[in-house]
Structures are given as structure tokens and as C-alpha cells.
Amino acid sequence: MEKLKQKLFDFARENGIDVLGFAPKARFEGVDPKYNPFSIFPKGETVIMVGKRVCRGSLRGVEEGSNFEDYNHFGKNWLEDTFLSVNCYDMTRVVEDEGWEAVPIFPNPTEVFAQGVPVGKGMPAPNVHPDFDYAVVAAGVAEIAYSGLIFTPEYGSRQRFHMIITDAVIEPTPMLEKSICDECGKCADVCPHNAISKDEYEIVEIYGKKMKVAKIDYSICKKCNNGAVANRFTSAGKPDRMAALCNRTCLQHLEDNSLIGNKFENKFQQSEAWALDIDGKYISTKN
């Protein structure tokens, strides 16, 4: 299987895939069938997580408060629907060309309601939407930060993922040991609506990796007008907070403290970040 794994890494390098990780079936034992990728492919052996970065410049218009649409295109919708989908499809073909079955999976939120009835006793209702947060941690390429967002060592929160499930047994990526998030709490400090708790949290454990994740009131996040975007798939889903003030502040902190690998000549936040209260009125973010 080493030949297949090398082919996948070669494909990733040649096609602009920035993050690639492999998780064996054993790391998903005990995951609710409603969120377990192997409910979709019971004979599968490996989950492959395929990630592309969100270019930092995609967030520039949001940081300056002057352009929100192009982040929605290049940082979210087109990135998931087109750029990453094509990579996922083509990598699926690489696996199939080696004689193994491969199932491409789009990152639909787990909060999407059941869209059918179980086809057998004890089986989950369709459609099963795997838990991508769990999967990227299980694939050894990421952690869940205090802010509740997914961080990778190279880009922090700036990436999105697709998934492939295959019956090929591929050597797993070691679980990520280093901690990217330093639990500084700046995400909670800067939130204008106090949606992120500064002192209430839970310890999330995934295959032995423990992460401290803040208690977050997502009903407040959904009303945030500081860069958060409503979930485009379901009103029940969590909002997209990659461009929100909390995460843009976190991004600067990660860069300032060399907690991520992707480095730039100039600072991301070059002046005081803008912020609006719940009524849309300007407020200062200075301490």
C-alpha cells in the first residue's frame, strides 16, 4: 500500500492540495453511526482527509470591512463546491486506478436533518453526514481549538476539507501531538457579544488527543455582524466563523507567536479591527 500512499502524496503536491491525512477505521470505533463515515462504506478501511488552504488574502476585504463577497467566493463557496471538489474527485480516481474502491464525501454539516427513513433495522437514516471535525483530528492533521474551530499546524483555521473513504489499508498519519492553540482566550476577549465563554469549557477527546473547547452560544454567533456567515446548508448548522472578528484576531495571534507555519512579510491586522454591536453600531476593539 506504500505505492498508493506515495501516489496520493504526489497527486496532492501536483494539484495544490495543502493538507492530507489518513485515519484507519479503528479510530472511529464508538462514533455514532449517524456521523460515522463507515456507515456509508462498511467495508472501508481508511478515511482520507483532503484539505486546501483559504488564502489569507481572501480575508483581506473582511478585515478592512470593505469587501465580504469575495471571501464568500474564494474562501468558502467556490473553494468547497469547485476547487476542492475537483481535487477530491480526481484523487478518488487515483485510488480507483489502483483497484480500490473510494467514496468521495462533501462536508455537509452534521446538523442537517434526516432526509429519509432507515432501510433496515438498527441502521441510521439517510443521509449520513460524517463528523468532519472528528475526522480531521482522527486523521492526525488538526485539532479543535478553544474557539471551536479546526486548526492545522501550517494554516491555523485557514483550510477546508473533503473526505474520501476507501477499502485500501493505508498507513495512518500519527495523531497530532503538538498543540497549536495556546488557549490565550483572545477569541473570547474580542467577541463583542460574549458568545464565547472565557471560563466555561469542555474537554473533547478524540482517540486519545484531548482538547479544551470553550462553551459557545451559537444562537448569538448566528446574529454576529462582524464577519460570521450563516450556515448555507441548514439554519440548524453552526455559522461559518472563519472570517469573524474572533477568528481574525486569533489568526493574528497565531502568526505573531509563530504558532503556525505559513508566514507573511506583513501583519494581517495592520490597524484596529472594526467591530459592530448587536444593533450594528460601531464599537472599539481597543483594550
C-alpha atoms as a PDB file:
ATOM      1  CA  MET A   1       0.000   0.000   0.000  1.00  0.00           C
ATOM      2  CA  GLU A   2       3.048   2.252   0.221  1.00  0.00           C
ATOM      3  CA  LYS A   3       2.851   2.721  -3.553  1.00  0.00           C
ATOM      4  CA  LEU A   4      -0.717   4.045  -3.307  1.00  0.00           C
ATOM      5  CA  LYS A   5       0.149   6.364  -0.439  1.00  0.00           C
ATOM      6  CA  GLN A   6       3.065   7.822  -2.374  1.00  0.00           C
ATOM      7  CA  LYS A   7       0.829   8.307  -5.418  1.00  0.00           C
ATOM      8  CA  LEU A   8      -1.637  10.245  -3.261  1.00  0.00           C
ATOM      9  CA  PHE A   9       1.084  12.483  -1.859  1.00  0.00           C
ATOM     10  CA  ASP A  10       2.452  13.055  -5.359  1.00  0.00           C
ATOM     11  CA  PHE A  11      -1.033  13.943  -6.590  1.00  0.00           C
ATOM     12  CA  ALA A  12      -1.505  16.326  -3.668  1.00  0.00           C
ATOM     13  CA  ARG A  13       1.751  18.120  -4.391  1.00  0.00           C
ATOM     14  CA  GLU A  14       0.996  18.428  -8.099  1.00  0.00           C
ATOM     15  CA  ASN A  15      -2.591  19.635  -7.626  1.00  0.00           C
ATOM     16  CA  GLY A  16      -2.370  22.199  -4.856  1.00  0.00           C
ATOM     17  CA  ILE A  17      -3.707  20.074  -2.013  1.00  0.00           C
ATOM     18  CA  ASP A  18      -2.251  21.584   1.139  1.00  0.00           C
ATOM     19  CA  VAL A  19      -3.267  19.065   3.829  1.00  0.00           C
ATOM     20  CA  LEU A  20      -3.502  15.279   3.520  1.00  0.00           C
ATOM     21  CA  GLY A  21      -4.102  12.797   6.313  1.00  0.00           C
ATOM     22  CA  PHE A  22      -5.095   9.148   6.743  1.00  0.00           C
ATOM     23  CA  ALA A  23      -7.199   7.658   9.550  1.00  0.00           C
ATOM     24  CA  PRO A  24      -7.812   3.915   9.997  1.00  0.00           C
ATOM     25  CA  LYS A  25     -11.238   2.520  10.823  1.00  0.00           C
ATOM     26  CA  ALA A  26     -10.120   1.768  14.386  1.00  0.00           C
ATOM     27  CA  ARG A  27     -10.027   5.484  15.183  1.00  0.00           C
ATOM     28  CA  PHE A  28     -13.785   5.719  14.512  1.00  0.00           C
ATOM     29  CA  GLU A  29     -14.871   2.979  16.881  1.00  0.00           C
ATOM     30  CA  GLY A  30     -17.676   4.248  19.078  1.00  0.00           C
ATOM     31  CA  VAL A  31     -18.610   7.160  16.785  1.00  0.00           C
ATOM     32  CA  ASP A  32     -22.398   7.492  16.446  1.00  0.00           C
ATOM     33  CA  PRO A  33     -23.495   5.754  13.208  1.00  0.00           C
ATOM     34  CA  LYS A  34     -25.255   8.990  12.211  1.00  0.00           C
ATOM     35  CA  TYR A  35     -21.848  10.678  11.959  1.00  0.00           C
ATOM     36  CA  ASN A  36     -19.579   7.736  11.180  1.00  0.00           C
ATOM     37  CA  PRO A  37     -18.119   7.563   7.654  1.00  0.00           C
ATOM     38  CA  PHE A  38     -18.079   3.779   7.811  1.00  0.00           C
ATOM     39  CA  SER A  39     -21.870   3.778   7.966  1.00  0.00           C
ATOM     40  CA  ILE A  40     -21.606   4.852   4.338  1.00  0.00           C
ATOM     41  CA  PHE A  41     -18.952   2.285   3.411  1.00  0.00           C
ATOM     42  CA  PRO A  42     -18.886  -0.554   5.988  1.00  0.00           C
ATOM     43  CA  LYS A  43     -16.168  -2.424   4.067  1.00  0.00           C
ATOM     44  CA  GLY A  44     -13.969   0.660   4.109  1.00  0.00           C
ATOM     45  CA  GLU A  45     -10.661   0.631   5.951  1.00  0.00           C
ATOM     46  CA  THR A  46      -9.286   4.170   5.706  1.00  0.00           C
ATOM     47  CA  VAL A  47     -10.565   7.732   5.764  1.00  0.00           C
ATOM     48  CA  ILE A  48      -8.535  10.205   3.705  1.00  0.00           C
ATOM     49  CA  MET A  49      -8.870  13.887   4.591  1.00  0.00           C
ATOM     50  CA  VAL A  50      -8.134  16.245   1.699  1.00  0.00           C
ATOM     51  CA  GLY A  51      -7.602  19.938   2.533  1.00  0.00           C
ATOM     52  CA  LYS A  52      -6.976  23.159   0.648  1.00  0.00           C
ATOM     53  CA  ARG A  53      -5.955  26.384   2.296  1.00  0.00           C
ATOM     54  CA  VAL A  54      -8.069  29.510   2.451  1.00  0.00           C
ATOM     55  CA  CYS A  55      -5.664  32.109   1.071  1.00  0.00           C
ATOM     56  CA  ARG A  56      -5.051  34.749   3.713  1.00  0.00           C
ATOM     57  CA  GLY A  57      -5.837  37.448   1.162  1.00  0.00           C
ATOM     58  CA  SER A  58      -9.356  36.052   0.837  1.00  0.00           C
ATOM     59  CA  LEU A  59      -9.966  37.521   4.293  1.00  0.00           C
ATOM     60  CA  ARG A  60      -8.465  40.920   3.496  1.00  0.00           C
ATOM     61  CA  GLY A  61     -11.717  42.568   2.413  1.00  0.00           C
ATOM     62  CA  VAL A  62     -13.451  41.373   5.569  1.00  0.00           C
ATOM     63  CA  GLU A  63     -10.578  42.556   7.773  1.00  0.00           C
ATOM     64  CA  GLU A  64     -10.773  46.008   6.175  1.00  0.00           C
ATOM     65  CA  GLY A  65     -14.594  45.981   6.252  1.00  0.00           C
ATOM     66  CA  SER A  66     -14.695  46.811   2.554  1.00  0.00           C
ATOM     67  CA  ASN A  67     -15.482  43.558   0.723  1.00  0.00           C
ATOM     68  CA  PHE A  68     -17.298  40.499   2.028  1.00  0.00           C
ATOM     69  CA  GLU A  69     -18.433  38.859  -1.204  1.00  0.00           C
ATOM     70  CA  ASP A  70     -15.046  37.680  -2.428  1.00  0.00           C
ATOM     71  CA  TYR A  71     -14.347  35.829   0.809  1.00  0.00           C
ATOM     72  CA  ASN A  72     -17.668  34.061   0.288  1.00  0.00           C
ATOM     73  CA  HIS A  73     -16.496  33.045  -3.181  1.00  0.00           C
ATOM     74  CA  PHE A  74     -12.811  32.221  -2.803  1.00  0.00           C
ATOM     75  CA  GLY A  75     -12.722  31.384   0.895  1.00  0.00           C
ATOM     76  CA  LYS A  76     -15.928  29.391   1.159  1.00  0.00           C
ATOM     77  CA  ASN A  77     -18.413  28.576  -1.606  1.00  0.00           C
ATOM     78  CA  TRP A  78     -16.167  28.133  -4.648  1.00  0.00           C
ATOM     79  CA  LEU A  79     -13.420  26.622  -2.532  1.00  0.00           C
ATOM     80  CA  GLU A  80     -15.728  23.881  -1.231  1.00  0.00           C
ATOM     81  CA  ASP A  81     -18.003  23.460  -4.244  1.00  0.00           C
ATOM     82  CA  THR A  82     -15.485  23.667  -7.074  1.00  0.00           C
ATOM     83  CA  PHE A  83     -11.773  23.861  -6.282  1.00  0.00           C
ATOM     84  CA  LEU A  84     -11.731  21.242  -3.521  1.00  0.00           C
ATOM     85  CA  SER A  85     -14.470  19.109  -5.058  1.00  0.00           C
ATOM     86  CA  VAL A  86     -12.441  18.695  -8.242  1.00  0.00           C
ATOM     87  CA  ASN A  87      -9.386  17.681  -6.194  1.00  0.00           C
ATOM     88  CA  CYS A  88     -11.446  15.188  -4.199  1.00  0.00           C
ATOM     89  CA  TYR A  89     -12.973  13.710  -7.349  1.00  0.00           C
ATOM     90  CA  ASP A  90      -9.619  13.387  -9.088  1.00  0.00           C
ATOM     91  CA  MET A  91      -7.950  11.852  -6.027  1.00  0.00           C
ATOM     92  CA  THR A  92     -10.818   9.343  -5.846  1.00  0.00           C
ATOM     93  CA  ARG A  93      -9.897   8.357  -9.398  1.00  0.00           C
ATOM     94  CA  VAL A  94      -6.265   7.856  -8.357  1.00  0.00           C
ATOM     95  CA  VAL A  95      -7.412   5.358  -5.710  1.00  0.00           C
ATOM     96  CA  GLU A  96      -9.746   3.602  -8.149  1.00  0.00           C
ATOM     97  CA  ASP A  97      -6.993   3.340 -10.751  1.00  0.00           C
ATOM     98  CA  GLU A  98      -5.095   1.206  -8.239  1.00  0.00           C
ATOM     99  CA  GLY A  99      -8.066  -1.174  -7.970  1.00  0.00           C
ATOM    100  CA  TRP A 100      -9.528   0.077  -4.684  1.00  0.00           C
ATOM    101  CA  GLU A 101     -12.999   1.451  -4.134  1.00  0.00           C
ATOM    102  CA  ALA A 102     -13.185   5.081  -2.976  1.00  0.00           C
ATOM    103  CA  VAL A 103     -16.156   7.149  -1.812  1.00  0.00           C
ATOM    104  CA  PRO A 104     -15.887  10.963  -2.101  1.00  0.00           C
ATOM    105  CA  ILE A 105     -17.734  12.848   0.651  1.00  0.00           C
ATOM    106  CA  PHE A 106     -18.736  16.519   0.673  1.00  0.00           C
ATOM    107  CA  PRO A 107     -18.553  18.405   4.021  1.00  0.00           C
ATOM    108  CA  ASN A 108     -22.262  18.722   4.710  1.00  0.00           C
ATOM    109  CA  PRO A 109     -22.909  19.768   8.325  1.00  0.00           C
ATOM    110  CA  THR A 110     -23.931  17.054  10.766  1.00  0.00           C
ATOM    111  CA  GLU A 111     -26.882  19.217  11.799  1.00  0.00           C
ATOM    112  CA  VAL A 112     -28.701  18.549   8.512  1.00  0.00           C
ATOM    113  CA  PHE A 113     -31.919  16.745   9.392  1.00  0.00           C
ATOM    114  CA  ALA A 114     -32.532  13.175   8.237  1.00  0.00           C
ATOM    115  CA  GLN A 115     -33.666  13.128   4.627  1.00  0.00           C
ATOM    116  CA  GLY A 116     -35.134   9.635   4.520  1.00  0.00           C
ATOM    117  CA  VAL A 117     -36.026   6.603   6.618  1.00  0.00           C
ATOM    118  CA  PRO A 118     -33.751   3.740   7.695  1.00  0.00           C
ATOM    119  CA  VAL A 119     -33.599   0.961   5.131  1.00  0.00           C
ATOM    120  CA  GLY A 120     -33.094  -1.716   7.760  1.00  0.00           C
ATOM    121  CA  LYS A 121     -33.426  -2.393  11.474  1.00  0.00           C
ATOM    122  CA  GLY A 122     -30.728  -0.678  13.526  1.00  0.00           C
ATOM    123  CA  MET A 123     -29.442   1.323  10.565  1.00  0.00           C
ATOM    124  CA  PRO A 124     -29.090   5.135  10.569  1.00  0.00           C
ATOM    125  CA  ALA A 125     -31.470   7.206   8.476  1.00  0.00           C
ATOM    126  CA  PRO A 126     -30.104   8.689   5.269  1.00  0.00           C
ATOM    127  CA  ASN A 127     -28.318  10.852   4.663  1.00  0.00           C
ATOM    128  CA  VAL A 128     -25.378  10.093   6.951  1.00  0.00           C
ATOM    129  CA  HIS A 129     -23.151  13.182   7.118  1.00  0.00           C
ATOM    130  CA  PRO A 130     -19.800  12.313   8.739  1.00  0.00           C
ATOM    131  CA  ASP A 131     -18.423  14.491  11.511  1.00  0.00           C
ATOM    132  CA  PHE A 132     -15.577  16.285   9.741  1.00  0.00           C
ATOM    133  CA  ASP A 133     -14.252  17.881  12.930  1.00  0.00           C
ATOM    134  CA  TYR A 134     -13.784  14.435  14.429  1.00  0.00           C
ATOM    135  CA  ALA A 135     -12.331  13.054  11.188  1.00  0.00           C
ATOM    136  CA  VAL A 136      -9.606  15.665  10.689  1.00  0.00           C
ATOM    137  CA  VAL A 137      -8.400  15.152  14.255  1.00  0.00           C
ATOM    138  CA  ALA A 138      -8.542  11.369  13.820  1.00  0.00           C
ATOM    139  CA  ALA A 139      -6.535  11.754  10.595  1.00  0.00           C
ATOM    140  CA  GLY A 140      -3.706  13.398  12.538  1.00  0.00           C
ATOM    141  CA  VAL A 141      -3.728  16.712  10.688  1.00  0.00           C
ATOM    142  CA  ALA A 142      -5.647  19.028  13.022  1.00  0.00           C
ATOM    143  CA  GLU A 143      -7.013  19.870  16.433  1.00  0.00           C
ATOM    144  CA  ILE A 144     -10.128  21.595  17.738  1.00  0.00           C
ATOM    145  CA  ALA A 145      -9.090  24.951  19.170  1.00  0.00           C
ATOM    146  CA  TYR A 146     -10.533  26.763  22.194  1.00  0.00           C
ATOM    147  CA  SER A 147     -12.645  28.764  19.736  1.00  0.00           C
ATOM    148  CA  GLY A 148     -14.262  25.563  18.476  1.00  0.00           C
ATOM    149  CA  LEU A 149     -12.612  25.926  15.069  1.00  0.00           C
ATOM    150  CA  ILE A 150     -10.314  23.435  13.378  1.00  0.00           C
ATOM    151  CA  PHE A 151      -6.607  24.354  13.427  1.00  0.00           C
ATOM    152  CA  THR A 152      -3.778  22.792  11.421  1.00  0.00           C
ATOM    153  CA  PRO A 153      -0.078  23.356  12.185  1.00  0.00           C
ATOM    154  CA  GLU A 154       0.540  25.191   8.917  1.00  0.00           C
ATOM    155  CA  TYR A 155      -2.525  27.414   8.465  1.00  0.00           C
ATOM    156  CA  GLY A 156      -4.348  27.640  11.766  1.00  0.00           C
ATOM    157  CA  SER A 157      -8.037  27.847  10.867  1.00  0.00           C
ATOM    158  CA  ARG A 158      -7.455  28.675   7.188  1.00  0.00           C
ATOM    159  CA  GLN A 159      -8.421  25.488   5.364  1.00  0.00           C
ATOM    160  CA  ARG A 160     -11.405  23.444   4.273  1.00  0.00           C
ATOM    161  CA  PHE A 161     -11.699  19.692   3.836  1.00  0.00           C
ATOM    162  CA  HIS A 162     -13.284  16.968   1.755  1.00  0.00           C
ATOM    163  CA  MET A 163     -13.190  13.267   2.632  1.00  0.00           C
ATOM    164  CA  ILE A 164     -12.575  10.007   0.808  1.00  0.00           C
ATOM    165  CA  ILE A 165     -13.426   6.605   2.298  1.00  0.00           C
ATOM    166  CA  THR A 166     -11.565   3.653   0.785  1.00  0.00           C
ATOM    167  CA  ASP A 167     -11.210  -0.082   1.300  1.00  0.00           C
ATOM    168  CA  ALA A 168      -7.461   0.276   0.846  1.00  0.00           C
ATOM    169  CA  VAL A 169      -5.481  -0.127   4.055  1.00  0.00           C
ATOM    170  CA  ILE A 170      -3.183   2.913   4.121  1.00  0.00           C
ATOM    171  CA  GLU A 171      -0.612   3.572   6.826  1.00  0.00           C
ATOM    172  CA  PRO A 172      -2.249   6.085   9.186  1.00  0.00           C
ATOM    173  CA  THR A 173      -0.962   9.547   9.912  1.00  0.00           C
ATOM    174  CA  PRO A 174       0.240   9.755  13.535  1.00  0.00           C
ATOM    175  CA  MET A 175      -2.104  11.647  15.830  1.00  0.00           C
ATOM    176  CA  LEU A 176      -1.106  15.297  16.128  1.00  0.00           C
ATOM    177  CA  GLU A 177       0.771  15.651  19.398  1.00  0.00           C
ATOM    178  CA  LYS A 178       1.677  19.323  19.333  1.00  0.00           C
ATOM    179  CA  SER A 179      -0.854  21.899  20.470  1.00  0.00           C
ATOM    180  CA  ILE A 180      -1.459  24.756  18.048  1.00  0.00           C
ATOM    181  CA  CYS A 181      -3.964  26.738  20.102  1.00  0.00           C
ATOM    182  CA  ASP A 182      -2.297  28.136  23.233  1.00  0.00           C
ATOM    183  CA  GLU A 183      -5.669  28.881  24.887  1.00  0.00           C
ATOM    184  CA  CYS A 184      -4.859  32.582  25.090  1.00  0.00           C
ATOM    185  CA  GLY A 185      -8.570  33.459  25.175  1.00  0.00           C
ATOM    186  CA  LYS A 186      -8.304  36.377  22.751  1.00  0.00           C
ATOM    187  CA  CYS A 187     -11.208  34.936  20.745  1.00  0.00           C
ATOM    188  CA  ALA A 188     -13.411  35.270  23.836  1.00  0.00           C
ATOM    189  CA  ASP A 189     -11.986  38.654  24.858  1.00  0.00           C
ATOM    190  CA  VAL A 190     -12.672  40.289  21.492  1.00  0.00           C
ATOM    191  CA  CYS A 191     -16.159  38.845  20.873  1.00  0.00           C
ATOM    192  CA  PRO A 192     -18.498  41.892  21.024  1.00  0.00           C
ATOM    193  CA  HIS A 193     -21.438  39.699  22.031  1.00  0.00           C
ATOM    194  CA  ASN A 194     -19.754  37.496  24.671  1.00  0.00           C
ATOM    195  CA  ALA A 195     -20.754  34.373  22.756  1.00  0.00           C
ATOM    196  CA  ILE A 196     -17.503  32.576  23.629  1.00  0.00           C
ATOM    197  CA  SER A 197     -17.136  31.785  27.312  1.00  0.00           C
ATOM    198  CA  LYS A 198     -13.884  32.780  28.994  1.00  0.00           C
ATOM    199  CA  ASP A 199     -14.137  30.205  31.756  1.00  0.00           C
ATOM    200  CA  GLU A 200     -16.669  27.531  30.733  1.00  0.00           C
ATOM    201  CA  TYR A 201     -15.334  24.783  28.519  1.00  0.00           C
ATOM    202  CA  GLU A 202     -15.337  21.061  27.848  1.00  0.00           C
ATOM    203  CA  ILE A 203     -12.501  18.655  27.246  1.00  0.00           C
ATOM    204  CA  VAL A 204     -13.028  16.961  23.891  1.00  0.00           C
ATOM    205  CA  GLU A 205     -11.131  13.709  23.469  1.00  0.00           C
ATOM    206  CA  ILE A 206     -10.608  12.053  20.084  1.00  0.00           C
ATOM    207  CA  TYR A 207      -8.570   8.853  20.007  1.00  0.00           C
ATOM    208  CA  GLY A 208      -6.515   9.930  22.995  1.00  0.00           C
ATOM    209  CA  LYS A 209      -5.993  13.551  21.964  1.00  0.00           C
ATOM    210  CA  LYS A 210      -7.560  15.935  24.486  1.00  0.00           C
ATOM    211  CA  MET A 211      -8.562  19.481  23.560  1.00  0.00           C
ATOM    212  CA  LYS A 212     -10.070  22.295  25.617  1.00  0.00           C
ATOM    213  CA  VAL A 213     -13.036  23.816  23.753  1.00  0.00           C
ATOM    214  CA  ALA A 214     -14.982  26.816  25.006  1.00  0.00           C
ATOM    215  CA  LYS A 215     -18.695  26.811  25.633  1.00  0.00           C
ATOM    216  CA  ILE A 216     -20.089  28.818  22.719  1.00  0.00           C
ATOM    217  CA  ASP A 217     -23.581  30.231  22.307  1.00  0.00           C
ATOM    218  CA  TYR A 218     -24.103  29.677  18.606  1.00  0.00           C
ATOM    219  CA  SER A 219     -27.525  31.315  18.725  1.00  0.00           C
ATOM    220  CA  ILE A 220     -25.644  34.558  19.390  1.00  0.00           C
ATOM    221  CA  CYS A 221     -22.971  33.762  16.786  1.00  0.00           C
ATOM    222  CA  LYS A 222     -25.722  33.482  14.184  1.00  0.00           C
ATOM    223  CA  LYS A 223     -26.589  37.127  14.823  1.00  0.00           C
ATOM    224  CA  CYS A 224     -22.982  38.293  14.649  1.00  0.00           C
ATOM    225  CA  ASN A 225     -22.369  41.030  12.080  1.00  0.00           C
ATOM    226  CA  ASN A 226     -18.586  41.051  12.459  1.00  0.00           C
ATOM    227  CA  GLY A 227     -17.752  38.636   9.666  1.00  0.00           C
ATOM    228  CA  ALA A 228     -19.631  35.487  10.688  1.00  0.00           C
ATOM    229  CA  VAL A 229     -21.710  33.963   7.897  1.00  0.00           C
ATOM    230  CA  ALA A 230     -24.901  31.935   8.302  1.00  0.00           C
ATOM    231  CA  ASN A 231     -24.616  28.226   7.559  1.00  0.00           C
ATOM    232  CA  ARG A 232     -25.512  27.945   3.881  1.00  0.00           C
ATOM    233  CA  PHE A 233     -26.815  24.374   4.132  1.00  0.00           C
ATOM    234  CA  THR A 234     -29.163  24.465   7.114  1.00  0.00           C
ATOM    235  CA  SER A 235     -30.394  27.016   9.620  1.00  0.00           C
ATOM    236  CA  ALA A 236     -29.688  24.425  12.312  1.00  0.00           C
ATOM    237  CA  GLY A 237     -25.988  24.380  11.468  1.00  0.00           C
ATOM    238  CA  LYS A 238     -23.231  26.392  13.078  1.00  0.00           C
ATOM    239  CA  PRO A 239     -22.367  29.678  11.365  1.00  0.00           C
ATOM    240  CA  ASP A 240     -19.139  29.978   9.420  1.00  0.00           C
ATOM    241  CA  ARG A 241     -16.821  31.958  11.714  1.00  0.00           C
ATOM    242  CA  MET A 242     -13.582  31.821   9.740  1.00  0.00           C
ATOM    243  CA  ALA A 243     -13.939  35.489   8.739  1.00  0.00           C
ATOM    244  CA  ALA A 244     -15.460  36.587  12.060  1.00  0.00           C
ATOM    245  CA  LEU A 245     -13.685  39.047  14.341  1.00  0.00           C
ATOM    246  CA  CYS A 246     -12.911  36.316  16.878  1.00  0.00           C
ATOM    247  CA  ASN A 247     -11.032  34.206  14.367  1.00  0.00           C
ATOM    248  CA  ARG A 248      -9.354  37.092  12.548  1.00  0.00           C
ATOM    249  CA  THR A 249      -7.948  38.183  15.905  1.00  0.00           C
ATOM    250  CA  CYS A 250      -6.860  34.624  16.600  1.00  0.00           C
ATOM    251  CA  LEU A 251      -5.172  34.435  13.211  1.00  0.00           C
ATOM    252  CA  GLN A 252      -3.028  37.450  14.063  1.00  0.00           C
ATOM    253  CA  HIS A 253      -2.135  35.954  17.443  1.00  0.00           C
ATOM    254  CA  LEU A 254      -1.077  32.659  15.838  1.00  0.00           C
ATOM    255  CA  GLU A 255       1.161  34.496  13.383  1.00  0.00           C
ATOM    256  CA  ASP A 256       2.621  36.857  15.984  1.00  0.00           C
ATOM    257  CA  ASN A 257       3.636  33.945  18.189  1.00  0.00           C
ATOM    258  CA  SER A 258       4.877  31.655  15.401  1.00  0.00           C
ATOM    259  CA  LEU A 259       2.278  29.041  16.298  1.00  0.00           C
ATOM    260  CA  ILE A 260       1.646  28.198  12.636  1.00  0.00           C
ATOM    261  CA  GLY A 261       3.997  27.600   9.746  1.00  0.00           C
ATOM    262  CA  ASN A 262       2.546  29.801   6.984  1.00  0.00           C
ATOM    263  CA  LYS A 263       4.329  33.146   7.391  1.00  0.00           C
ATOM    264  CA  PHE A 264       3.981  36.538   5.676  1.00  0.00           C
ATOM    265  CA  GLU A 265       6.036  39.694   5.268  1.00  0.00           C
ATOM    266  CA  ASN A 266       3.341  41.973   6.743  1.00  0.00           C
ATOM    267  CA  LYS A 267       0.934  41.660   9.646  1.00  0.00           C
ATOM    268  CA  PHE A 268      -2.628  40.610   8.906  1.00  0.00           C
ATOM    269  CA  GLN A 269      -4.215  43.145  11.252  1.00  0.00           C
ATOM    270  CA  GLN A 270      -2.481  46.403  10.359  1.00  0.00           C
ATOM    271  CA  SER A 271      -4.784  48.686  12.360  1.00  0.00           C
ATOM    272  CA  GLU A 272      -7.505  48.463  14.979  1.00  0.00           C
ATOM    273  CA  ALA A 273     -10.038  45.852  13.891  1.00  0.00           C
ATOM    274  CA  TRP A 274     -13.552  47.144  13.278  1.00  0.00           C
ATOM    275  CA  ALA A 275     -16.460  45.800  15.312  1.00  0.00           C
ATOM    276  CA  LEU A 276     -20.216  46.294  15.447  1.00  0.00           C
ATOM    277  CA  ASP A 277     -22.517  45.641  18.368  1.00  0.00           C
ATOM    278  CA  ILE A 278     -25.692  43.588  18.079  1.00  0.00           C
ATOM    279  CA  ASP A 279     -27.531  46.675  16.789  1.00  0.00           C
ATOM    280  CA  GLY A 280     -24.943  47.367  14.105  1.00  0.00           C
ATOM    281  CA  LYS A 281     -23.306  50.305  15.859  1.00  0.00           C
ATOM    282  CA  TYR A 282     -19.544  50.758  15.797  1.00  0.00           C
ATOM    283  CA  ILE A 283     -17.651  49.858  18.963  1.00  0.00           C
ATOM    284  CA  SER A 284     -13.930  49.973  19.720  1.00  0.00           C
ATOM    285  CA  THR A 285     -11.838  46.818  19.985  1.00  0.00           C
ATOM    286  CA  LYS A 286      -9.021  48.541  21.877  1.00  0.00           C
ATOM    287  CA  ASN A 287      -8.363  47.122  25.331  1.00  0.00           C
END
